[in-house]
N, C-alpha and C. Protein backbone atom coordinates (compact mmCIF):
# COMPACT_ATOMS: atom_id res chain seq x y z
N MET A 1 0.48 -1.01 0.05
CA MET A 1 0.16 -0.27 0.08
C MET A 1 0.85 0.97 0.08
N HIS A 2 1.88 1.28 0.79
CA HIS A 2 2.72 2.53 0.89
C HIS A 2 4.05 2.51 0.06
N GLU A 3 4.56 3.51 -0.39
CA GLU A 3 5.69 3.53 -1.26
C GLU A 3 6.78 3.47 -0.34
N CYS A 4 7.83 3.33 -0.71
CA CYS A 4 9.45 3.31 0.27
C CYS A 4 8.95 4.58 0.74
N MET A 5 9.34 4.62 2.18
CA MET A 5 9.08 5.68 3.13
C MET A 5 10.75 6.48 3.66
N LYS A 6 10.84 7.43 3.70
CA LYS A 6 11.87 8.06 4.68
C LYS A 6 11.38 9.17 5.48
N THR A 7 12.11 8.97 6.89
CA THR A 7 12.14 9.76 8.08
C THR A 7 12.65 11.05 7.56
N ILE A 8 12.31 12.27 8.07
CA ILE A 8 12.99 13.50 7.88
C ILE A 8 12.62 14.30 9.20
N THR A 9 13.69 14.72 9.53
CA THR A 9 13.54 16.07 10.75
C THR A 9 13.55 17.24 10.34
N LEU A 10 12.39 18.10 11.01
CA LEU A 10 12.22 19.44 10.41
C LEU A 10 12.52 20.31 11.75
N ASP A 11 13.06 21.49 11.76
CA ASP A 11 12.87 22.04 12.88
C ASP A 11 11.50 22.68 13.18
N ASP A 12 11.21 23.36 14.37
CA ASP A 12 9.51 23.80 14.69
C ASP A 12 9.31 24.84 13.34
N GLU A 13 9.87 25.73 12.79
CA GLU A 13 9.60 26.69 11.75
C GLU A 13 9.53 26.11 10.60
N ALA A 14 10.29 25.12 10.00
CA ALA A 14 10.15 24.30 9.09
C ALA A 14 8.96 23.37 8.90
N TYR A 15 8.70 23.17 9.90
CA TYR A 15 7.04 22.20 10.25
C TYR A 15 5.96 23.08 10.39
N ALA A 16 6.04 24.18 10.67
CA ALA A 16 5.16 25.55 10.72
C ALA A 16 4.84 25.82 9.40
N ARG A 17 5.98 26.12 8.48
CA ARG A 17 5.91 26.56 7.37
C ARG A 17 5.01 25.54 6.44
N LEU A 18 5.82 24.16 6.64
CA LEU A 18 5.04 23.00 5.58
C LEU A 18 3.48 22.76 6.07
N LYS A 19 3.21 22.75 7.49
CA LYS A 19 1.75 22.74 7.63
C LYS A 19 0.97 23.50 7.43
N VAL A 20 1.28 24.77 7.18
CA VAL A 20 0.43 25.91 6.65
C VAL A 20 0.05 25.57 5.01
N TRP A 21 0.41 24.67 4.43
CA TRP A 21 0.12 24.41 2.88
C TRP A 21 -0.89 23.08 3.21
N LYS A 22 -1.01 22.53 4.10
CA LYS A 22 -2.22 21.38 4.12
C LYS A 22 -3.23 22.03 4.01
N ARG A 23 -4.02 21.22 2.91
CA ARG A 23 -5.44 21.97 2.84
C ARG A 23 -6.49 21.34 3.90
N ASP A 24 -6.19 20.31 4.48
CA ASP A 24 -6.55 19.67 5.39
C ASP A 24 -6.25 18.40 6.42
N SER A 25 -6.89 18.06 7.61
CA SER A 25 -6.13 17.30 8.32
C SER A 25 -5.73 15.94 7.84
N LYS A 26 -6.40 15.70 6.58
CA LYS A 26 -6.17 14.24 5.99
C LYS A 26 -5.38 14.09 5.06
N GLU A 27 -4.81 15.73 4.63
CA GLU A 27 -3.74 15.49 3.68
C GLU A 27 -2.30 15.05 4.26
N SER A 28 -1.73 14.26 3.39
CA SER A 28 -0.53 13.73 4.35
C SER A 28 0.67 14.77 4.04
N PHE A 29 1.50 14.78 4.56
CA PHE A 29 2.66 16.11 4.04
C PHE A 29 3.45 15.49 2.95
N SER A 30 3.43 14.34 2.85
CA SER A 30 4.16 13.49 1.34
C SER A 30 3.14 14.20 0.44
N HIS A 31 2.00 14.04 0.36
CA HIS A 31 0.87 14.78 -0.64
C HIS A 31 1.22 16.25 -0.79
N VAL A 32 1.42 17.04 0.50
CA VAL A 32 1.79 18.29 0.30
C VAL A 32 3.02 18.58 -0.24
N VAL A 33 4.21 18.14 -0.07
CA VAL A 33 5.59 18.16 -1.11
C VAL A 33 5.37 17.92 -2.14
N LYS A 34 4.54 16.83 -2.80
CA LYS A 34 4.65 16.46 -4.07
C LYS A 34 3.60 17.63 -4.75
N ARG A 35 2.84 18.33 -3.90
CA ARG A 35 1.81 19.28 -4.83
C ARG A 35 2.80 20.82 -4.87
N ILE A 36 3.12 20.80 -3.73
CA ILE A 36 3.73 22.27 -3.92
C ILE A 36 5.21 22.45 -4.65
N ILE A 37 5.91 21.27 -4.48
CA ILE A 37 7.56 21.47 -4.94
C ILE A 37 7.81 20.83 -6.32
N PRO A 38 7.69 21.98 -7.20
CA PRO A 38 7.98 21.55 -8.67
C PRO A 38 9.10 20.30 -8.68
N GLU A 39 8.72 19.73 -9.53
CA GLU A 39 9.96 18.85 -10.37
C GLU A 39 10.87 19.78 -10.69
N PRO A 40 12.26 18.94 -10.62
CA PRO A 40 13.25 19.83 -11.25
C PRO A 40 12.92 20.38 -12.76
N GLY A 41 13.36 21.45 -12.69
CA GLY A 41 13.34 21.85 -14.14
C GLY A 41 13.88 23.08 -14.65
N THR A 42 13.54 24.06 -15.13
CA THR A 42 13.82 25.41 -15.99
C THR A 42 13.31 26.15 -14.94
N LEU A 43 13.64 27.71 -14.91
CA LEU A 43 13.15 28.57 -14.28
C LEU A 43 12.05 28.76 -14.86
N GLY A 44 11.51 28.63 -15.76
CA GLY A 44 10.42 28.84 -16.81
C GLY A 44 9.00 28.13 -16.05
N ALA A 45 9.44 26.99 -15.94
CA ALA A 45 8.59 25.65 -15.05
C ALA A 45 8.08 26.28 -13.64
N PHE A 46 9.27 26.72 -12.96
CA PHE A 46 8.90 27.53 -11.59
C PHE A 46 8.30 28.51 -11.55
N LEU A 47 8.46 29.10 -12.49
CA LEU A 47 7.34 30.61 -12.60
C LEU A 47 6.07 30.23 -12.96
N THR A 48 6.02 29.23 -14.08
CA THR A 48 4.33 28.38 -14.05
C THR A 48 3.76 28.05 -12.73
N PHE A 49 4.63 27.42 -11.93
CA PHE A 49 4.01 26.97 -10.97
C PHE A 49 3.72 27.74 -10.16
N ILE A 50 4.53 29.02 -9.85
CA ILE A 50 4.51 30.01 -8.84
C ILE A 50 2.99 30.64 -9.11
N GLU A 51 2.75 30.90 -10.58
CA GLU A 51 1.67 31.71 -10.82
C GLU A 51 0.31 30.53 -10.63
N ALA A 52 0.63 29.23 -11.16
CA ALA A 52 -0.47 28.47 -10.95
C ALA A 52 -1.06 28.57 -9.31
N ASN A 53 -0.37 28.49 -8.74
CA ASN A 53 -0.45 28.01 -7.21
C ASN A 53 -0.62 29.27 -6.46
N ASP A 54 -0.58 30.40 -7.00
CA ASP A 54 -0.66 31.73 -6.21
C ASP A 54 -0.17 31.84 -4.82
N THR A 55 1.10 31.55 -4.74
CA THR A 55 1.77 31.34 -3.42
C THR A 55 2.21 32.70 -2.90
N ALA A 56 2.29 33.74 -3.57
CA ALA A 56 2.63 35.03 -3.09
C ALA A 56 2.31 35.50 -1.51
N HIS A 57 1.10 34.93 -1.28
CA HIS A 57 0.57 35.22 -0.02
C HIS A 57 1.24 34.34 1.26
N LEU A 58 2.08 33.27 0.91
CA LEU A 58 2.31 32.13 1.73
C LEU A 58 3.74 32.48 2.76
N PRO A 59 3.83 32.27 3.84
CA PRO A 59 4.98 32.38 4.39
C PRO A 59 6.14 31.95 3.90
N GLY A 60 7.25 32.64 4.04
CA GLY A 60 8.73 32.07 3.16
C GLY A 60 9.07 33.01 2.28
N ASN A 61 8.23 33.59 1.38
CA ASN A 61 8.79 34.32 0.31
C ASN A 61 9.82 35.25 0.65
N GLU A 62 9.60 35.93 1.69
CA GLU A 62 10.51 37.04 1.93
C GLU A 62 11.88 36.35 1.78
N VAL A 63 12.07 34.96 2.55
CA VAL A 63 13.51 34.33 2.81
C VAL A 63 14.01 34.31 1.15
N MET A 64 13.07 33.54 0.35
CA MET A 64 13.54 33.43 -1.23
C MET A 64 13.69 34.83 -1.71
N ASP A 65 12.73 35.89 -1.50
CA ASP A 65 13.25 37.27 -2.13
C ASP A 65 14.54 37.57 -1.84
N ALA A 66 15.16 37.69 -0.31
CA ALA A 66 16.14 37.92 -0.17
C ALA A 66 17.33 37.49 -0.65
N ALA A 67 17.34 35.38 -0.85
CA ALA A 67 18.31 34.91 -1.45
C ALA A 67 18.45 35.47 -2.98
N VAL A 68 17.14 35.71 -3.61
CA VAL A 68 17.59 36.04 -4.90
C VAL A 68 18.12 37.40 -4.86
N ASN A 69 17.81 38.57 -4.40
CA ASN A 69 18.51 39.52 -4.32
C ASN A 69 20.03 39.66 -4.18
N THR A 70 20.00 38.84 -3.26
CA THR A 70 21.52 38.83 -2.39
C THR A 70 22.29 38.21 -3.56
N ARG A 71 21.75 37.20 -4.08
CA ARG A 71 22.54 36.32 -5.26
C ARG A 71 22.80 37.40 -6.41
N SER A 72 21.49 38.10 -6.99
CA SER A 72 21.83 39.02 -8.26
C SER A 72 22.50 40.11 -7.75
N ALA A 73 22.90 40.65 -6.44
CA ALA A 73 23.70 41.78 -6.32
C ALA A 73 25.23 41.16 -6.49
N LYS A 74 25.26 39.91 -6.12
CA LYS A 74 26.94 39.45 -6.14
C LYS A 74 26.94 39.40 -7.37
N LYS A 75 26.24 38.96 -8.29
CA LYS A 75 26.64 38.62 -9.94
C LYS A 75 27.31 39.84 -10.76
N ALA A 76 28.36 39.46 -11.36
CA ALA A 76 28.95 40.96 -12.08
C ALA A 76 28.22 40.96 -13.17
N ASP A 77 28.29 42.18 -13.71
CA ASP A 77 27.29 42.72 -14.82
C ASP A 77 28.11 42.24 -16.20
N PRO A 78 27.51 41.54 -16.61
CA PRO A 78 27.97 40.88 -17.98
C PRO A 78 28.30 41.52 -19.37
N TRP A 79 27.80 43.18 -19.10
CA TRP A 79 28.29 44.22 -20.14
C TRP A 79 29.34 44.72 -19.96
N ASN A 80 30.03 44.45 -19.00
CA ASN A 80 31.34 45.46 -18.54
C ASN A 80 32.48 44.57 -18.76
């Protein structure tokens, strides 16, 4: 009945972020992860996922924004 399973450890903050995504108490965390985390692919696929799932209001976006902005600021200007 069950696929192979792995045990993972989350700190309280990570658990709280994941729990916010559950649609109801019957939805498993495995289902949540498969629903919200896109398969590896292109940035375009990721953008399509973000737009389709309206993720802007969920907690954690400020962390991703900060990481992208920090990385973008460190990149050299390719035109110089």
